[in-house]
Structures are given as structure tokens and as C-alpha cells.
């Protein structure tokens, strides 16, 4: 992979960082952070590409590299499927020292052939890792030959870990879809209400809380990239009438490429919180009407929103008095850095600070709109600092990922998982009630009275 390829995926007018640059600097794209050898595990470009494409559930995902690369962090993400489970099977060429000496191209072809013959998938994604990239394996040539000989699309994903960060891997995955997948299949029929959702990974089935709402409006999700996706659906994505981008930091480049090549307009939105869900539905309906859908779609959306909002507030009514005024420290990032704030404020809670890791400048502007200009935004909190803040009682509850749960528990602070590993869906109107229920359960669990009370041996003996 050359510098031009890396610059191209970061040279996006839709990228907030690029928008702030002068024209001559914007043309060079961003400079992806090159990772330090030995520090790439869990945050490298390969990891990002696998996370972005793995939820294409009926495809085979083959890792060309050492065995250890297959056991990557994508598998901890609770991305669910309504049908095929092939995406949960790990395939790898298991490169050894001998392959480093002799080259791994023949081994890769044999692995592709075995996967196609055994699983008969609609497509095979082949991920290049550091080792084959360093020894010069021509993965793209092998994939092209396998596609021709086996009659099954074999898509090279050229994102070895050392080229950059996880975010670069997300963008390279989108680039691979544009080059080799999107536009290769035509839908059997088209409607004026076909939409594409990008950056939604169906974590804990969150996409399934949204699709029923869209069906009631007659809106068809032509493809989701890539939660609960099917290969043919992704290949037909170029026929969508509008695109919604959920995680802009990861996939705005793909949305922009689709707009430039196929004229598909896009907007950025969120399904976390009542207000944000309603706003996303209205934006989608408005954009579809602008693209040729019947104007009555606006009225249908307004009626649906009024009905669902009333029902959602009725579900939340028992929780609101118990959650009002509770202080929250939000330690996540990306789209959740602001979308969760909106949801928590609707519950009457006070967000004292939020992480902006992997957040765009637009995300930060939304945070300021929600929390004010003095909003506390931070990157990564050192463990000692997080320990200090929780020990001092600055927050009543911590909302974060699994990595910080033990710091919360050691400081006897309630904690709720809001990251990709979670097992509860928080999207849409129904998801809002799920979020309130989980926070309420964590805050008022009887275990806290027990663990915060003095130990029996620390209580002074008052007997005479």
C-alpha cells in the first residue's frame, strides 16, 4: 500500500478535520498515525477493517497471516445476525516461518479454494496482515485469479496492521467495498424509498429496533453496512436513494464516495435517544421526498413519531423520578460521545464529562450544543485519574466499555456497558426504555449498600 492510497481514503470533503484545512493541505489528505511495532494489537488497520466488514454475515472472512491475527477484537463485538452464521467462523492461512521464506501466495489460494468448496459462500473477503505485506505476497493477484477460476467473488482487503490506526482500517474497508463489491449486483426491483445505513453494526440487535419503524413508513433498508448484512445487499447499495451515516468517523468516506459516484445524498444521525431517533426519521423522510418519494411520507413520519414518542415517554415514566439529577461520567467515544448525552439528558441525568476518542469535530460541536461551551471533553483518562474521580464521588455512575468496568467496581461505583460488547440494545424508542432500565438497575442494586457499609471487623465493639 502506497502513500497515495492512504492519503486518498483520508482526502474526504465530508471529513470535518479536512474541512478545516487550507485547500493545498486538504489535497494531501490526513497523515494516518503509523503504529509502533508491538503496540498494534487491538487498534491497528487490520483490526479496523475486520470490524467494519465482519458483520456481512453470509460471507467467508479469511485472514491471510499468522494464526494469532485471527483471534482479534472483532469477535468481542456482539454484532448479531438474523440468519447466516458463517461470519462467526474464523478462517486463516496460519502462516508459519516456512511461509515467510517461501511466500504464502500458493497457500492463500489453496485456503480460498477450500473455503469456497466447503462453505459455498456468496463471497470471500481476504484480509492482508503485517507478515504477508512485509514479504511481498501479491494478495490482489491471488484474489483475482481465485475469482476467475472458482466463480466466486474474492475481495482483497489490503489493510495490514502496521500501516495505521483502526480508523484507517475502517476507511480502507470502505474503499475495498467501493472497488470490488458495490455496483456489482442489481436489485430485482427498486422503490423511491430505498435507503442505505452506514456505520450501524447491529450490536445486540439495535438495527432490529429501527427497521420496524422504517417498514411502517414503507422505507426499505436496501443495505446496511454492515450490521446483519448480506453480500448481495451490499453489492446493491449503489441503488439506494438516500444514505444515513451513523458512525461518521469510521464511514463518512464511503458515504461521500457513493455521493460522488452515484449521486446518493447522505446525512449523519443517531438512533440513541427519543429526540435523536425522531430527528433521524424526519431527516430520512425529507431526503427521500427530495429524491422522488411521495410527499405524503412527511405526514406519515410525523404521525409515527408522535405515536412512538408518546409510547416511549409512558415507558420511561417510572424511571424518570429515580434518575433525575444523577451524575454520569460517559467514557466511550465516536458517535456515542454525543448521542448518549442526548439520551441521558432526556432521562433528567447530568453528564459531567464525556470522552471524545474517535469523535469528529462535528461530534464535538454537537456536545457543546448539548452541554454548553464549557462542556468537559477529554480523550483517554489515565487509570489513576479515573480512580481518583470515582473514589471522590464525582459521578454517581460510569457509562463506558468493558476495559474500565473494574476501575468502577473497585471504587464501588455503578457501571453500565455502552460499548460494542454490550448485550442490551439501546437504539430507538424501545432501546431508550432498555437504557433507563439498565441504569436504574445498576444505581439501585442492593449490593451497593452492602459493599459500602463498614466490614464487620472494622466496626468498633460497643459491648461492655
Protein backbone atom coordinates (compact mmCIF):
# COMPACT_ATOMS: atom_id res chain seq x y z
CA UNK A 1 0.00 0.00 0.00
CA UNK A 2 1.44 3.32 -1.06
CA UNK A 3 1.15 6.77 0.46
CA UNK A 4 -1.26 7.80 -2.28
CA UNK A 5 -3.74 5.09 -1.29
CA UNK A 6 -3.59 6.07 2.37
CA UNK A 7 -3.98 9.75 1.56
CA UNK A 8 -6.88 9.08 -0.80
CA UNK A 9 -9.10 7.46 1.84
CA UNK A 10 -8.47 10.40 4.19
CA UNK A 11 -8.92 13.06 1.50
CA UNK A 12 -12.65 13.45 2.00
CA UNK A 13 -14.63 16.70 1.83
CA UNK A 14 -17.05 15.12 4.32
CA UNK A 15 -14.29 14.74 6.90
CA UNK A 16 -14.50 17.51 9.49
CA UNK A 17 -10.74 17.53 10.00
CA UNK A 18 -10.12 18.08 6.30
CA UNK A 19 -12.77 20.79 6.05
CA UNK A 20 -10.80 22.96 8.45
CA UNK A 21 -7.62 22.79 6.36
CA UNK A 22 -6.48 25.16 3.62
CA UNK A 23 -7.05 23.86 0.11
CA UNK A 24 -3.41 22.91 -0.55
CA UNK A 25 -3.24 20.88 2.66
CA UNK A 26 -6.64 19.30 2.10
CA UNK A 27 -5.46 17.83 -1.19
CA UNK A 28 -2.77 15.87 0.64
CA UNK A 29 -5.30 14.19 2.89
CA UNK A 30 -4.62 13.41 6.53
CA UNK A 31 -1.47 11.71 7.73
CA UNK A 32 -2.54 8.43 9.33
CA UNK A 33 -0.74 7.61 12.54
CA UNK A 34 1.85 4.89 11.98
CA UNK A 35 1.77 2.41 14.80
CA UNK A 36 4.76 1.37 16.86
CA UNK A 37 5.76 -2.29 16.28
CA UNK A 38 4.44 -4.39 19.13
CA UNK A 39 1.73 -1.87 20.03
CA UNK A 40 -0.68 -2.59 17.18
CA UNK A 41 -2.78 -5.32 18.81
CA UNK A 42 -6.40 -4.28 19.19
CA UNK A 43 -6.06 -0.94 17.44
CA UNK A 44 -4.43 -1.48 14.05
CA UNK A 45 -5.69 -1.04 10.49
CA UNK A 46 -6.32 -4.77 10.08
CA UNK A 47 -8.46 -4.74 13.21
CA UNK A 48 -10.47 -1.79 11.88
CA UNK A 49 -11.09 -3.42 8.50
CA UNK A 50 -12.22 -6.66 10.13
CA UNK A 51 -14.62 -4.84 12.44
CA UNK A 52 -16.13 -2.94 9.51
CA UNK A 53 -16.71 -5.96 7.26
CA UNK A 54 -17.16 -8.90 9.62
CA UNK A 55 -20.92 -8.30 10.14
CA UNK A 56 -21.51 -9.23 6.47
CA UNK A 57 -22.95 -12.43 7.83
CA UNK A 58 -23.14 -14.79 4.84
CA UNK A 59 -19.62 -14.12 3.52
CA UNK A 60 -16.47 -16.00 4.49
CA UNK A 61 -13.77 -13.88 6.12
CA UNK A 62 -10.29 -15.30 5.54
CA UNK A 63 -7.28 -13.82 7.34
CA UNK A 64 -4.01 -14.22 5.46
CA UNK A 65 -1.45 -14.19 8.22
CA UNK A 66 -0.29 -15.94 11.39
CA UNK A 67 -2.86 -17.72 13.50
CA UNK A 68 -2.80 -15.08 16.25
CA UNK A 69 -4.19 -12.40 13.91
CA UNK A 70 -7.49 -14.29 13.55
CA UNK A 71 -8.15 -14.01 17.27
CA UNK A 72 -8.78 -10.28 17.08
CA UNK A 73 -11.08 -7.90 18.87
CA UNK A 74 -13.93 -8.06 16.34
CA UNK A 75 -15.18 -11.24 17.99
CA UNK A 76 -15.91 -9.44 21.27
CA UNK A 77 -18.46 -7.26 19.49
CA UNK A 78 -21.97 -8.55 19.91
CA UNK A 79 -22.98 -7.97 16.27
CA UNK A 80 -25.98 -10.21 15.69
CA UNK A 81 -27.38 -11.91 12.61
CA UNK A 82 -30.97 -12.73 11.69
CA UNK A 83 -29.84 -15.68 9.58
CA UNK A 84 -26.41 -16.81 8.38
CA UNK A 85 -23.72 -17.51 10.95
CA UNK A 86 -20.75 -18.06 8.64
CA UNK A 87 -19.31 -14.72 9.78
CA UNK A 88 -18.69 -16.28 13.20
CA UNK A 89 -16.38 -18.93 11.73
CA UNK A 90 -12.71 -17.99 11.70
CA UNK A 91 -10.68 -18.80 8.59
CA UNK A 92 -6.94 -18.23 8.42
CA UNK A 93 -3.98 -19.35 6.33
CA UNK A 94 -1.97 -19.85 9.55
CA UNK A 95 1.31 -18.62 8.07
CA UNK A 96 4.47 -20.11 9.58
CA UNK A 97 8.19 -19.36 9.35
CA UNK A 98 8.40 -21.57 6.24
CA UNK A 99 5.78 -19.43 4.50
CA UNK A 100 7.79 -16.32 5.33
CA UNK A 101 10.74 -17.88 3.49
CA UNK A 102 8.89 -19.40 0.53
CA UNK A 103 5.99 -16.95 0.24
CA UNK A 104 2.36 -17.51 1.11
CA UNK A 105 0.56 -16.99 -2.21
CA UNK A 106 0.02 -20.68 -3.03
CA UNK A 107 -1.12 -21.36 0.49
CA UNK A 108 -3.57 -18.48 0.25
CA UNK A 109 -5.06 -19.80 -3.00
CA UNK A 110 -5.47 -23.28 -1.52
CA UNK A 111 -7.19 -21.77 1.52
CA UNK A 112 -9.59 -19.77 -0.66
CA UNK A 113 -10.37 -22.88 -2.74
CA UNK A 114 -11.04 -24.94 0.40
CA UNK A 115 -13.37 -22.29 1.86
CA UNK A 116 -15.33 -21.95 -1.40
CA UNK A 117 -15.73 -25.71 -1.87
CA UNK A 118 -16.66 -26.42 1.75
CA UNK A 119 -18.84 -23.42 2.65
CA UNK A 120 -20.07 -22.24 -0.78
CA UNK A 121 -20.30 -18.60 0.35
CA UNK A 122 -21.52 -15.82 -1.96
CA UNK A 123 -18.11 -14.14 -1.49
CA UNK A 124 -14.82 -14.42 0.36
CA UNK A 125 -13.10 -11.43 1.97
CA UNK A 126 -9.33 -11.86 2.26
CA UNK A 127 -7.56 -9.67 4.84
CA UNK A 128 -3.88 -8.87 4.43
CA UNK A 129 -1.97 -8.73 7.72
CA UNK A 130 1.53 -7.48 8.50
CA UNK A 131 3.53 -10.62 7.64
CA UNK A 132 2.35 -11.19 4.03
CA UNK A 133 2.55 -7.43 3.39
CA UNK A 134 6.17 -7.35 4.56
CA UNK A 135 7.27 -10.36 2.49
CA UNK A 136 5.50 -9.04 -0.61
CA UNK A 137 2.68 -11.53 -1.22
CA UNK A 138 0.53 -10.28 -4.11
CA UNK A 139 -2.80 -10.82 -2.41
CA UNK A 140 -4.78 -8.87 -5.01
CA UNK A 141 -3.44 -11.05 -7.84
CA UNK A 142 -4.29 -14.23 -5.94
CA UNK A 143 -7.81 -12.97 -5.26
CA UNK A 144 -8.32 -12.03 -8.91
CA UNK A 145 -7.14 -15.47 -10.06
CA UNK A 146 -9.35 -17.22 -7.50
CA UNK A 147 -12.37 -15.18 -8.57
CA UNK A 148 -11.86 -16.17 -12.20
CA UNK A 149 -11.17 -19.85 -11.57
CA UNK A 150 -13.67 -20.55 -8.79
CA UNK A 151 -16.53 -18.34 -9.95
CA UNK A 152 -16.95 -16.77 -6.51
CA UNK A 153 -16.07 -13.13 -5.78
CA UNK A 154 -12.88 -12.96 -3.70
CA UNK A 155 -12.33 -9.46 -2.34
CA UNK A 156 -8.87 -8.34 -1.19
CA UNK A 157 -8.83 -6.08 1.87
CA UNK A 158 -5.38 -4.53 1.86
CA UNK A 159 -5.09 -3.18 5.41
CA UNK A 160 -2.03 -4.65 7.17
CA UNK A 161 -1.80 -3.58 10.77
CA UNK A 162 1.37 -1.51 10.56
CA UNK A 163 0.03 1.00 8.02
CA UNK A 164 -2.02 2.89 10.58
CA UNK A 165 -4.80 3.03 13.11
CA UNK A 166 -8.13 1.27 13.43
CA UNK A 167 -9.85 4.25 11.83
CA UNK A 168 -7.66 3.93 8.74
CA UNK A 169 -8.68 0.27 8.58
CA UNK A 170 -12.37 1.27 8.64
CA UNK A 171 -11.77 3.57 5.68
CA UNK A 172 -9.72 1.00 3.76
CA UNK A 173 -12.55 -1.49 4.24
CA UNK A 174 -14.96 1.02 2.72
CA UNK A 175 -12.50 1.58 -0.12
CA UNK A 176 -12.43 -2.18 -0.78
CA UNK A 177 -16.23 -2.24 -0.96
CA UNK A 178 -16.25 0.62 -3.47
CA UNK A 179 -13.61 -1.01 -5.65
CA UNK A 180 -14.76 -4.62 -5.64
CA UNK A 181 -18.31 -5.01 -4.28
CA UNK A 182 -20.73 -2.08 -4.53
CA UNK A 183 -22.21 -1.82 -8.01
CA UNK A 184 -21.65 -5.46 -8.99
CA UNK A 185 -25.26 -6.61 -8.38
CA UNK A 186 -28.54 -5.00 -9.45
CA UNK A 187 -31.68 -5.27 -7.28
CA UNK A 188 -34.64 -7.21 -8.67
CA UNK A 189 -36.83 -4.16 -8.09
CA UNK A 190 -36.33 -0.58 -6.91
CA UNK A 191 -38.51 1.82 -4.97
CA UNK A 192 -38.40 5.53 -4.21
CA UNK A 193 -37.94 4.68 -0.52
CA UNK A 194 -34.77 2.58 -0.65
CA UNK A 195 -32.19 3.68 1.92
CA UNK A 196 -28.67 2.70 2.89
CA UNK A 197 -27.48 2.75 6.52
CA UNK A 198 -23.72 3.04 7.03
CA UNK A 199 -21.81 2.61 10.29
CA UNK A 200 -24.51 0.58 12.08
CA UNK A 201 -23.24 -2.85 13.19
CA UNK A 202 -26.41 -4.28 14.77
CA UNK A 203 -24.77 -4.54 18.18
CA UNK A 204 -27.15 -6.52 20.41
CA UNK A 205 -29.72 -6.29 17.62
CA UNK A 206 -30.05 -2.49 17.65
CA UNK A 207 -30.80 -2.36 13.93
CA UNK A 208 -33.84 -4.56 14.52
CA UNK A 209 -35.30 -1.88 16.78
CA UNK A 210 -35.20 0.58 13.86
CA UNK A 211 -36.26 -1.49 10.83
CA UNK A 212 -39.86 -1.99 12.07
CA UNK A 213 -40.25 1.78 12.26
CA UNK A 214 -38.94 2.17 8.72
CA UNK A 215 -41.25 -0.58 7.44
CA UNK A 216 -44.25 1.28 8.83
CA UNK A 217 -43.18 4.21 6.66
CA UNK A 218 -42.73 1.98 3.64
CA UNK A 219 -38.97 2.57 3.73
CA UNK A 220 -36.81 -0.36 2.66
CA UNK A 221 -33.28 -0.76 4.02
CA UNK A 222 -31.65 -1.78 0.77
CA UNK A 223 -28.39 -2.47 2.62
CA UNK A 224 -26.79 -1.95 5.99
CA UNK A 225 -23.01 -1.60 6.06
CA UNK A 226 -22.51 -3.73 7.75
CA UNK A 227 -24.81 -4.83 10.58
CA UNK A 228 -26.75 -8.01 9.77
CA UNK A 229 -25.71 -7.50 6.14
CA UNK A 230 -25.77 -9.92 3.22
CA UNK A 231 -23.19 -9.76 0.46
CA UNK A 232 -25.75 -9.23 -2.33
CA UNK A 233 -27.38 -6.39 -0.38
CA UNK A 234 -24.06 -4.60 0.00
CA UNK A 235 -23.35 -5.12 -3.70
CA UNK A 236 -26.69 -3.41 -4.50
CA UNK A 237 -26.04 -0.41 -2.24
CA UNK A 238 -25.45 1.90 -5.21
CA UNK A 239 -29.19 1.88 -5.96
CA UNK A 240 -30.24 3.45 -2.65
CA UNK A 241 -32.00 6.81 -2.80
CA UNK A 242 -30.50 8.18 0.43
CA UNK A 243 -27.84 7.26 2.98
CA UNK A 244 -27.77 7.66 6.74
CA UNK A 245 -24.33 7.64 8.37
CA UNK A 246 -24.42 6.51 12.00
CA UNK A 247 -20.69 6.48 12.78
CA UNK A 248 -19.21 9.32 10.75
CA UNK A 249 -15.63 8.93 11.95
CA UNK A 250 -15.46 5.40 10.57
CA UNK A 251 -17.52 5.51 7.40
CA UNK A 252 -18.17 9.05 6.19
CA UNK A 253 -15.62 8.44 3.43
CA UNK A 254 -17.74 5.64 2.00
CA UNK A 255 -20.89 7.79 2.09
CA UNK A 256 -19.03 10.58 0.31
CA UNK A 257 -17.73 8.19 -2.35
CA UNK A 258 -21.26 6.94 -3.01
CA UNK A 259 -22.47 10.51 -3.32
CA UNK A 260 -19.74 11.42 -5.79
CA UNK A 261 -20.05 8.28 -7.94
CA UNK A 262 -23.77 7.53 -7.80
CA UNK A 263 -25.33 10.80 -6.62
CA UNK A 264 -26.72 9.36 -3.38
CA UNK A 265 -27.17 12.15 -0.78
CA UNK A 266 -26.34 11.39 2.83
CA UNK A 267 -26.84 12.78 6.31
CA UNK A 268 -25.38 11.99 9.71
CA UNK A 269 -27.68 10.95 12.53
CA UNK A 270 -28.19 8.76 15.56
CA UNK A 271 -30.81 6.37 16.90
CA UNK A 272 -29.88 6.89 20.56
CA UNK A 273 -32.47 8.89 22.46
CA UNK A 274 -36.05 9.83 21.68
CA UNK A 275 -35.27 13.19 20.11
CA UNK A 276 -32.39 11.91 18.00
CA UNK A 277 -34.43 8.95 16.73
CA UNK A 278 -37.27 11.25 15.74
CA UNK A 279 -34.87 13.67 14.06
CA UNK A 280 -33.23 10.83 12.11
CA UNK A 281 -36.60 9.55 10.87
CA UNK A 282 -37.63 13.04 9.75
CA UNK A 283 -34.31 13.69 8.03
CA UNK A 284 -34.60 10.38 6.21
CA UNK A 285 -38.19 11.03 5.13
CA UNK A 286 -37.36 14.56 3.98
CA UNK A 287 -34.35 13.42 1.99
CA UNK A 288 -36.35 10.65 0.30
CA UNK A 289 -39.09 13.11 -0.67
CA UNK A 290 -36.42 15.34 -2.20
CA UNK A 291 -35.26 12.29 -4.18
CA UNK A 292 -38.70 11.48 -5.57
CA UNK A 293 -40.68 9.73 -2.82
CA UNK A 294 -44.33 10.80 -2.35
CA UNK A 295 -44.72 13.99 -0.26
CA UNK A 296 -47.18 12.10 1.96
CA UNK A 297 -44.16 10.38 3.50
CA UNK A 298 -43.55 13.51 5.62
CA UNK A 299 -47.00 13.28 7.18
CA UNK A 300 -46.62 9.56 7.79
CA UNK A 301 -43.32 10.18 9.56
CA UNK A 302 -44.82 12.91 11.73
CA UNK A 303 -47.73 10.66 12.77
CA UNK A 304 -45.38 7.76 13.52
CA UNK A 305 -43.08 9.98 15.59
CA UNK A 306 -45.96 11.42 17.63
CA UNK A 307 -47.33 7.96 18.37
CA UNK A 308 -43.96 6.39 19.27
CA UNK A 309 -42.78 9.33 21.37
CA UNK A 310 -45.94 9.20 23.48
CA UNK A 311 -45.47 5.48 24.00
CA UNK A 312 -41.77 5.93 24.81
CA UNK A 313 -42.40 8.57 27.50
CA UNK A 314 -45.05 6.31 29.01
CA UNK A 315 -42.45 3.53 29.31
CA UNK A 316 -39.95 5.94 30.87
CA UNK A 317 -42.37 7.42 33.38
CA UNK A 318 -41.46 5.03 36.28
CA UNK A 319 -37.73 5.70 35.86
CA UNK A 320 -37.63 9.49 35.49
CA UNK A 321 -38.03 10.43 39.20
CA UNK A 322 -35.37 7.86 40.19
CA UNK A 323 -32.81 9.01 37.62
CA UNK A 324 -33.33 12.78 37.75
CA UNK A 325 -30.19 14.66 38.78
CA UNK A 326 -27.92 11.61 38.84
CA UNK A 327 -24.39 12.45 37.65
CA UNK A 328 -22.93 10.45 34.77
CA UNK A 329 -19.37 10.14 33.53
CA UNK A 330 -19.51 8.99 29.90
CA UNK A 331 -16.33 7.28 28.76
CA UNK A 332 -16.95 5.98 25.26
CA UNK A 333 -16.24 7.88 22.04
CA UNK A 334 -17.26 8.25 18.42
CA UNK A 335 -20.95 8.86 17.79
CA UNK A 336 -21.82 7.74 21.34
CA UNK A 337 -19.86 10.71 22.74
CA UNK A 338 -22.82 12.96 21.88
CA UNK A 339 -25.76 10.69 21.08
CA UNK A 340 -25.65 9.14 24.54
CA UNK A 341 -25.58 12.63 26.09
CA UNK A 342 -28.84 13.45 24.37
CA UNK A 343 -30.42 10.25 25.65
CA UNK A 344 -29.15 10.75 29.22
CA UNK A 345 -30.36 14.34 29.36
CA UNK A 346 -33.80 13.20 28.28
CA UNK A 347 -33.75 10.94 31.36
CA UNK A 348 -33.04 14.00 33.50
CA UNK A 349 -29.48 12.94 34.26
CA UNK A 350 -26.46 15.26 34.39
CA UNK A 351 -23.46 14.37 32.21
CA UNK A 352 -20.39 15.77 33.98
CA UNK A 353 -17.95 14.82 31.22
CA UNK A 354 -17.61 12.78 28.05
CA UNK A 355 -14.76 11.18 26.17
CA UNK A 356 -14.21 12.32 22.59
CA UNK A 357 -11.96 9.50 21.46
CA UNK A 358 -12.64 8.75 17.76
CA UNK A 359 -15.02 11.71 17.63
CA UNK A 360 -15.12 14.20 14.76
CA UNK A 361 -15.22 17.98 15.09
CA UNK A 362 -18.91 17.81 14.21
CA UNK A 363 -19.40 15.37 17.11
CA UNK A 364 -17.67 17.87 19.44
CA UNK A 365 -19.87 20.70 18.17
CA UNK A 366 -22.95 18.62 18.99
CA UNK A 367 -21.57 18.02 22.50
CA UNK A 368 -21.18 21.78 23.02
CA UNK A 369 -24.73 22.32 21.80
CA UNK A 370 -25.98 19.78 24.34
CA UNK A 371 -23.74 20.57 27.32
CA UNK A 372 -22.72 24.17 26.69
CA UNK A 373 -19.42 25.74 25.70
CA UNK A 374 -17.83 24.70 29.00
CA UNK A 375 -18.52 21.02 28.39
CA UNK A 376 -15.76 18.79 29.74
CA UNK A 377 -14.39 16.77 26.83
CA UNK A 378 -11.38 14.53 27.24
CA UNK A 379 -9.51 11.85 25.37
CA UNK A 380 -8.17 8.92 27.34
CA UNK A 381 -8.32 9.13 31.13
CA UNK A 382 -5.34 7.51 32.90
CA UNK A 383 -6.43 4.74 35.24
CA UNK A 384 -5.23 6.68 38.30
CA UNK A 385 -7.22 9.75 37.30
CA UNK A 386 -10.37 7.72 36.68
CA UNK A 387 -9.85 6.02 40.06
CA UNK A 388 -9.49 9.41 41.77
CA UNK A 389 -12.63 10.86 40.21
CA UNK A 390 -14.77 7.87 41.05
CA UNK A 391 -13.33 7.50 44.56
CA UNK A 392 -14.12 11.16 45.26
CA UNK A 393 -17.71 10.55 44.24
CA UNK A 394 -17.71 12.96 41.30
CA UNK A 395 -20.08 10.65 39.39
CA UNK A 396 -22.98 8.51 40.54
CA UNK A 397 -22.48 6.09 37.66
CA UNK A 398 -19.94 5.35 34.91
CA UNK A 399 -21.07 4.52 31.37
CA UNK A 400 -18.19 3.03 29.39
CA UNK A 401 -16.74 -0.08 27.80
CA UNK A 402 -15.54 -3.24 29.46
CA UNK A 403 -11.96 -2.05 29.89
CA UNK A 404 -12.89 0.36 32.67
CA UNK A 405 -15.55 -1.68 34.43
CA UNK A 406 -13.10 -2.99 37.02
CA UNK A 407 -11.99 0.51 37.99
CA UNK A 408 -15.64 1.36 38.59
CA UNK A 409 -16.32 -1.77 40.58
CA UNK A 410 -13.20 -1.35 42.72
CA UNK A 411 -14.34 2.15 43.63
CA UNK A 412 -17.85 0.81 44.39
CA UNK A 413 -19.35 2.87 41.57
CA UNK A 414 -22.27 1.54 39.49
CA UNK A 415 -21.35 0.85 35.88
CA UNK A 416 -23.26 0.19 32.64
CA UNK A 417 -21.70 -1.09 29.43
CA UNK A 418 -22.46 1.11 26.40
CA UNK A 419 -19.74 -0.16 24.06
CA UNK A 420 -19.78 -2.78 21.33
CA UNK A 421 -19.53 -5.70 23.76
CA UNK A 422 -22.86 -4.90 25.43
CA UNK A 423 -25.74 -7.34 25.50
CA UNK A 424 -28.56 -4.82 25.64
CA UNK A 425 -29.86 -2.78 22.70
CA UNK A 426 -30.27 0.96 23.34
CA UNK A 427 -31.34 2.23 19.91
CA UNK A 428 -34.70 3.69 19.04
CA UNK A 429 -37.73 4.30 21.25
CA UNK A 430 -37.73 0.80 22.74
CA UNK A 431 -33.98 0.98 23.31
CA UNK A 432 -34.42 4.16 25.35
CA UNK A 433 -36.50 2.23 27.86
CA UNK A 434 -33.85 -0.50 27.92
CA UNK A 435 -31.17 2.08 28.73
CA UNK A 436 -33.24 3.61 31.53
CA UNK A 437 -33.93 0.17 32.97
CA UNK A 438 -30.25 -0.83 32.96
CA UNK A 439 -29.11 2.44 34.57
CA UNK A 440 -31.83 2.21 37.21
CA UNK A 441 -30.90 -1.39 37.96
CA UNK A 442 -27.22 -0.51 38.33
CA UNK A 443 -27.82 2.54 40.52
CA UNK A 444 -30.31 0.97 42.91
CA UNK A 445 -28.93 -2.54 43.15
CA UNK A 446 -28.91 -3.64 46.83
CA UNK A 447 -25.31 -4.79 46.57
CA UNK A 448 -24.10 -1.19 46.92
CA UNK A 449 -25.49 -0.80 50.42
CA UNK A 450 -23.65 -3.95 51.41
CA UNK A 451 -20.24 -3.22 49.86
CA UNK A 452 -20.22 0.40 51.02
CA UNK A 453 -21.03 -0.47 54.62
CA UNK A 454 -18.09 -0.97 57.01
CA UNK A 455 -16.85 -4.53 57.28
CA UNK A 456 -17.89 -6.27 60.49
CA UNK A 457 -14.29 -6.40 61.70
CA UNK A 458 -13.92 -2.65 61.19
CA UNK A 459 -16.90 -1.79 63.39
CA UNK A 460 -15.93 -0.98 66.98
CA UNK A 461 -17.25 -3.41 69.51
CA UNK A 462 -19.76 -1.49 71.66
CA UNK A 463 -20.50 -4.34 74.07
CA UNK A 464 -19.49 -3.59 77.70
